[in-house]
Protein backbone atom coordinates (compact mmCIF):
# COMPACT_ATOMS: atom_id res chain seq x y z
CA MET A 1 -1.74 1.60 -19.02
CA PRO A 2 -3.95 0.65 -21.99
CA HIS A 3 -5.30 -2.87 -22.03
CA THR A 4 -4.17 -5.10 -24.87
CA HIS A 5 -6.78 -7.60 -25.98
CA ASP A 6 -5.58 -11.11 -26.69
CA HIS A 7 -7.04 -14.50 -27.53
CA ALA A 8 -6.69 -15.63 -23.92
CA ASP A 9 -9.23 -13.00 -22.89
CA GLN A 10 -11.75 -14.46 -25.33
CA ARG A 11 -11.48 -17.91 -23.75
CA GLN A 12 -12.31 -16.66 -20.25
CA PRO A 13 -15.82 -17.28 -18.86
CA GLN A 14 -18.05 -14.27 -18.53
CA THR A 15 -17.36 -12.48 -15.27
CA GLN A 16 -18.67 -9.48 -13.40
CA ALA A 17 -15.83 -7.21 -12.28
CA GLN A 18 -17.97 -4.36 -11.01
CA PRO A 19 -21.45 -3.99 -9.54
CA ALA A 20 -24.03 -1.76 -11.17
CA ASP A 21 -22.98 1.26 -9.10
CA GLY A 22 -19.60 1.32 -10.87
CA ARG A 23 -17.42 0.86 -7.79
CA THR A 24 -14.02 -0.68 -8.37
CA LEU A 25 -13.25 -4.06 -6.85
CA PHE A 26 -10.85 -2.26 -4.52
CA ASP A 27 -13.70 0.01 -3.36
CA ARG A 28 -15.81 -3.05 -2.60
CA LEU A 29 -13.02 -4.74 -0.67
CA ARG A 30 -12.25 -1.62 1.35
CA ALA A 31 -15.94 -1.18 2.16
CA ALA A 32 -16.21 -4.84 3.25
CA CYS A 33 -13.25 -4.31 5.59
CA ALA A 34 -14.06 -0.73 6.63
CA ASP A 35 -13.22 -1.11 10.33
CA ASP A 36 -9.93 -2.86 9.63
CA TRP A 37 -9.05 -0.29 6.95
CA ARG A 38 -9.69 2.57 9.36
CA ALA A 39 -7.62 0.88 12.08
CA TYR A 40 -4.76 0.67 9.58
CA THR A 41 -4.91 4.09 7.89
CA GLU A 42 -5.76 5.97 11.12
CA HIS A 43 -3.50 3.98 13.43
CA PRO A 44 -1.91 5.95 16.31
CA PHE A 45 1.46 5.52 14.58
CA VAL A 46 0.07 7.28 11.50
CA ARG A 47 -1.65 10.02 13.50
CA ASP A 48 1.50 10.76 15.52
CA LEU A 49 3.65 10.67 12.39
CA GLY A 50 1.38 13.28 10.79
CA ARG A 51 1.50 15.47 13.89
CA GLY A 52 5.27 15.14 14.06
CA THR A 53 5.05 13.72 17.59
CA LEU A 54 5.97 10.11 16.75
CA PRO A 55 8.96 9.08 18.92
CA PHE A 56 12.02 8.96 16.69
CA PRO A 57 13.14 5.45 17.82
CA ALA A 58 9.73 4.11 16.73
CA PHE A 59 10.19 5.68 13.29
CA GLN A 60 13.70 4.22 13.04
CA THR A 61 12.45 0.73 13.90
CA PHE A 62 9.64 1.07 11.41
CA LEU A 63 11.83 2.35 8.57
CA VAL A 64 14.45 -0.40 8.92
CA GLN A 65 11.75 -3.08 9.00
CA ASP A 66 9.98 -1.42 6.09
CA TYR A 67 13.16 -1.66 4.02
CA LEU A 68 13.32 -5.42 4.71
CA PHE A 69 9.60 -5.59 3.98
CA LEU A 70 10.10 -3.93 0.59
CA ILE A 71 12.70 -6.51 -0.43
CA GLN A 72 10.03 -9.18 -0.10
CA PHE A 73 7.45 -6.98 -1.81
CA ALA A 74 9.83 -6.57 -4.74
CA ARG A 75 9.86 -10.37 -4.97
CA ALA A 76 6.04 -10.32 -4.88
CA HIS A 77 5.90 -7.94 -7.84
CA ALA A 78 8.33 -10.17 -9.72
CA LEU A 79 5.99 -13.07 -8.93
CA ALA A 80 3.10 -10.96 -10.25
CA ALA A 81 4.90 -10.68 -13.58
CA TYR A 82 5.30 -14.47 -13.68
CA LYS A 83 1.61 -14.96 -12.84
CA ALA A 84 0.47 -12.46 -15.49
CA ASP A 85 -1.39 -13.62 -18.60
CA THR A 86 -0.81 -10.64 -20.87
CA LEU A 87 2.07 -8.42 -21.84
CA ALA A 88 0.18 -5.42 -20.45
CA ASP A 89 -0.05 -7.10 -17.04
CA ILE A 90 3.65 -8.06 -17.14
CA ALA A 91 4.50 -4.43 -17.88
CA ALA A 92 2.28 -3.30 -14.99
CA ALA A 93 4.11 -5.68 -12.65
CA GLN A 94 7.40 -4.27 -13.91
CA GLU A 95 6.22 -0.75 -13.12
CA GLY A 96 5.13 -1.85 -9.65
CA LEU A 97 8.52 -3.44 -9.07
CA ALA A 98 10.29 -0.27 -10.21
CA LEU A 99 8.17 1.82 -7.82
CA VAL A 100 9.05 -0.46 -4.90
CA VAL A 101 12.77 -0.30 -5.72
CA HIS A 102 12.54 3.50 -6.02
CA GLU A 103 10.76 3.57 -2.64
CA THR A 104 13.83 2.00 -0.99
CA ASP A 105 15.88 5.06 -2.00
CA LEU A 106 14.10 7.00 0.77
CA HIS A 107 14.95 4.33 3.33
CA ILE A 108 18.60 4.17 2.33
CA ALA A 109 18.97 7.96 2.31
CA LEU A 110 17.47 8.32 5.79
CA THR A 111 19.25 5.38 7.44
CA GLN A 112 22.62 6.49 6.07
CA ARG A 113 22.16 9.73 8.03
CA TRP A 114 21.83 7.58 11.15
CA GLY A 115 25.12 5.83 10.34
CA VAL A 116 23.42 2.69 9.04
CA ASP A 117 24.67 1.71 5.58
CA ARG A 118 22.94 -0.68 3.18
CA ALA A 119 24.92 -3.71 4.39
CA MET A 120 23.95 -3.05 8.01
CA LEU A 121 20.36 -2.45 6.93
CA GLU A 122 20.11 -5.77 5.12
CA ALA A 123 21.84 -7.61 7.99
CA THR A 124 19.14 -6.48 10.45
CA PRO A 125 16.87 -9.39 11.48
CA GLU A 126 13.27 -9.24 10.36
CA LEU A 127 10.79 -8.84 13.20
CA LEU A 128 8.04 -11.44 13.38
CA GLY A 129 5.41 -9.04 12.05
CA THR A 130 7.55 -8.38 8.99
CA VAL A 131 8.03 -12.09 8.35
CA ALA A 132 4.34 -12.91 8.83
CA TYR A 133 3.06 -10.17 6.51
CA THR A 134 5.51 -10.60 3.66
CA ARG A 135 5.32 -14.39 3.61
CA PHE A 136 1.52 -14.22 3.67
CA VAL A 137 1.60 -12.10 0.51
CA LEU A 138 4.12 -14.37 -1.22
CA ASP A 139 2.19 -17.50 -0.20
CA THR A 140 -1.04 -15.97 -1.51
CA GLY A 141 0.68 -15.32 -4.83
CA MET A 142 2.24 -18.77 -5.06
CA ALA A 143 -1.01 -20.57 -4.24
CA GLY A 144 -3.43 -18.31 -6.13
CA ASP A 145 -3.73 -16.35 -9.33
CA ALA A 146 -2.60 -12.85 -10.26
CA LEU A 147 -5.83 -11.30 -8.97
CA ALA A 148 -5.42 -12.82 -5.50
CA LEU A 149 -1.80 -11.65 -5.37
CA HIS A 150 -2.67 -8.07 -6.32
CA VAL A 151 -5.48 -8.02 -3.75
CA ALA A 152 -2.88 -9.04 -1.14
CA LEU A 153 -0.56 -6.25 -2.34
CA ALA A 154 -3.30 -3.60 -2.45
CA PRO A 155 -3.45 -2.52 1.22
CA CYS A 156 0.24 -1.63 1.18
CA MET A 157 0.54 0.28 -2.06
CA ILE A 158 -2.90 1.88 -2.17
CA GLY A 159 -3.10 2.42 1.58
CA TYR A 160 0.19 4.32 1.73
CA ALA A 161 -1.06 6.59 -1.06
CA GLU A 162 -4.22 7.32 0.93
CA ILE A 163 -2.15 7.99 4.05
CA GLY A 164 0.25 10.23 2.12
CA ARG A 165 -2.66 12.33 0.82
CA ALA A 166 -4.20 12.55 4.29
CA LEU A 167 -0.96 13.66 5.97
CA ALA A 168 0.22 16.08 3.26
CA PRO A 169 -1.64 19.13 4.71
CA ALA A 170 0.48 18.76 7.87
CA LEU A 171 3.47 19.92 5.83
CA ASP A 172 1.84 23.34 5.36
CA ARG A 173 1.96 24.14 9.07
CA PRO A 174 4.60 26.54 10.37
CA GLY A 175 7.94 25.01 11.29
CA GLU A 176 9.90 22.09 9.92
CA HIS A 177 8.14 18.72 10.03
CA PRO A 178 10.43 15.92 11.27
CA TYR A 179 8.89 13.38 8.89
CA ARG A 180 8.52 15.62 5.86
CA GLU A 181 10.47 13.37 3.47
CA TRP A 182 8.41 10.30 4.34
CA ILE A 183 5.11 12.12 3.86
CA GLU A 184 6.27 13.77 0.64
CA THR A 185 7.30 10.38 -0.80
CA TYR A 186 3.81 8.92 -0.47
CA ALA A 187 1.93 12.12 -1.27
CA ALA A 188 4.00 12.62 -4.45
CA GLU A 189 2.22 12.36 -7.79
CA ASP A 190 4.34 9.43 -9.02
CA TYR A 191 3.29 7.35 -6.02
CA GLN A 192 -0.33 8.48 -6.28
CA THR A 193 -0.32 7.54 -9.97
CA GLY A 194 1.11 4.12 -9.12
CA ALA A 195 -1.71 3.53 -6.64
CA ARG A 196 -4.37 4.55 -9.19
CA ASP A 197 -2.74 2.23 -11.73
CA GLU A 198 -2.90 -0.61 -9.21
CA ILE A 199 -6.64 -0.04 -8.67
CA ALA A 200 -7.17 -0.12 -12.44
CA LEU A 201 -5.03 -3.25 -12.80
CA ILE A 202 -7.07 -5.08 -10.16
CA ASP A 203 -10.21 -4.28 -12.16
CA ARG A 204 -8.57 -5.42 -15.38
CA LEU A 205 -7.61 -8.73 -13.79
CA ALA A 206 -11.11 -9.01 -12.35
CA GLU A 207 -12.61 -8.75 -15.82
CA ARG A 208 -11.00 -12.08 -16.60
CA SER A 209 -11.12 -14.02 -13.34
CA PHE A 210 -13.56 -12.48 -10.85
CA THR A 211 -16.93 -13.96 -10.02
CA GLU A 212 -19.16 -13.11 -7.07
CA ALA A 213 -18.34 -16.54 -5.67
CA ARG A 214 -14.76 -15.33 -5.18
CA MET A 215 -15.73 -12.25 -3.18
CA SER A 216 -15.48 -13.95 0.21
CA GLU A 217 -12.06 -15.42 -0.65
CA LEU A 218 -10.68 -12.09 -1.86
CA THR A 219 -12.18 -10.25 1.10
CA ARG A 220 -10.39 -12.64 3.45
CA VAL A 221 -7.09 -11.98 1.67
CA PHE A 222 -7.63 -8.21 1.72
CA ARG A 223 -8.70 -8.17 5.38
CA THR A 224 -5.71 -10.24 6.48
CA ALA A 225 -3.26 -7.99 4.64
CA THR A 226 -4.96 -4.88 6.04
CA ARG A 227 -4.76 -6.20 9.61
CA MET A 228 -1.11 -7.07 9.09
CA GLU A 229 -0.48 -3.48 7.98
CA ALA A 230 -1.88 -2.25 11.30
CA GLU A 231 0.29 -4.78 13.15
CA PHE A 232 3.29 -3.53 11.18
CA TRP A 233 2.75 -0.04 12.62
CA GLN A 234 2.17 -1.50 16.06
CA GLN A 235 5.39 -3.52 16.17
CA ALA A 236 7.37 -0.28 15.72
CA LEU A 237 5.71 1.16 18.82
C-alpha cells in the first residue's frame, strides 16, 4: 500500500528504521531471535503436519484453539486501526483484519465436517496457552504504540506465511495429503501478500517511531510472541 505523507510525519524526530545493509526491521528481529524462530517454524508439530503424520486429534485441538485465537487477533487488528496515526495505516489494519476474518473460513469449513458448528466452536473453552498468547498481544497494543503492537502480531502472520511456503512442496508428493487445505491456505498468494505487506508496514511505522534505543524492547516483544507460538503448537500435542 502506498504511503501517504502527512503533517504528523514531519513532526516526528529523526529515526533510523533500517541499518546500512538494508534489512527490514522484521529481518533484524528474526535474526536477534533466531533460535526461538527456528523452534517455532520447525516445531515437531509443523514437521509432522508437513509430512502428513500429525495425529488427527492434535490437529483438531489446534484448529479449534486457533479459531478462538483468531477472534482475539481480530480484536488486535481493530486495536491497530485505533492506534494508527495515518489513513494509510488504518487501511492496512483493516486489510489485516479482513485477512484474519477470511482465515476463519478455513476453520469453520473443517470443523463443520467434524460435526462442530460455529456455536459449538465459540463455546469451547480457551486453553491456557491461547489465553496467555492472545492477551499478551492485546496488552502490548494497549500499553504501547502501533509499532509495538505490529511487532507482537508479526510472528503469527509472517511466520505462518513462511511455514506455508516451506510445507507447500509436500503437496506435490504422490497421494492425497491429509492437511492439504491448511497448507494451501498459508501458501496461497493472498496470504503471502498479506505477510509481505505486514513487513512493509512495520518498516513504515519504524520510520516514524523507531530508534536503536527501542531495539531491546521490541526484541523482547518479538521473542515472547515467537515463544508463545511454539507453545501454541505444543499445547495441541
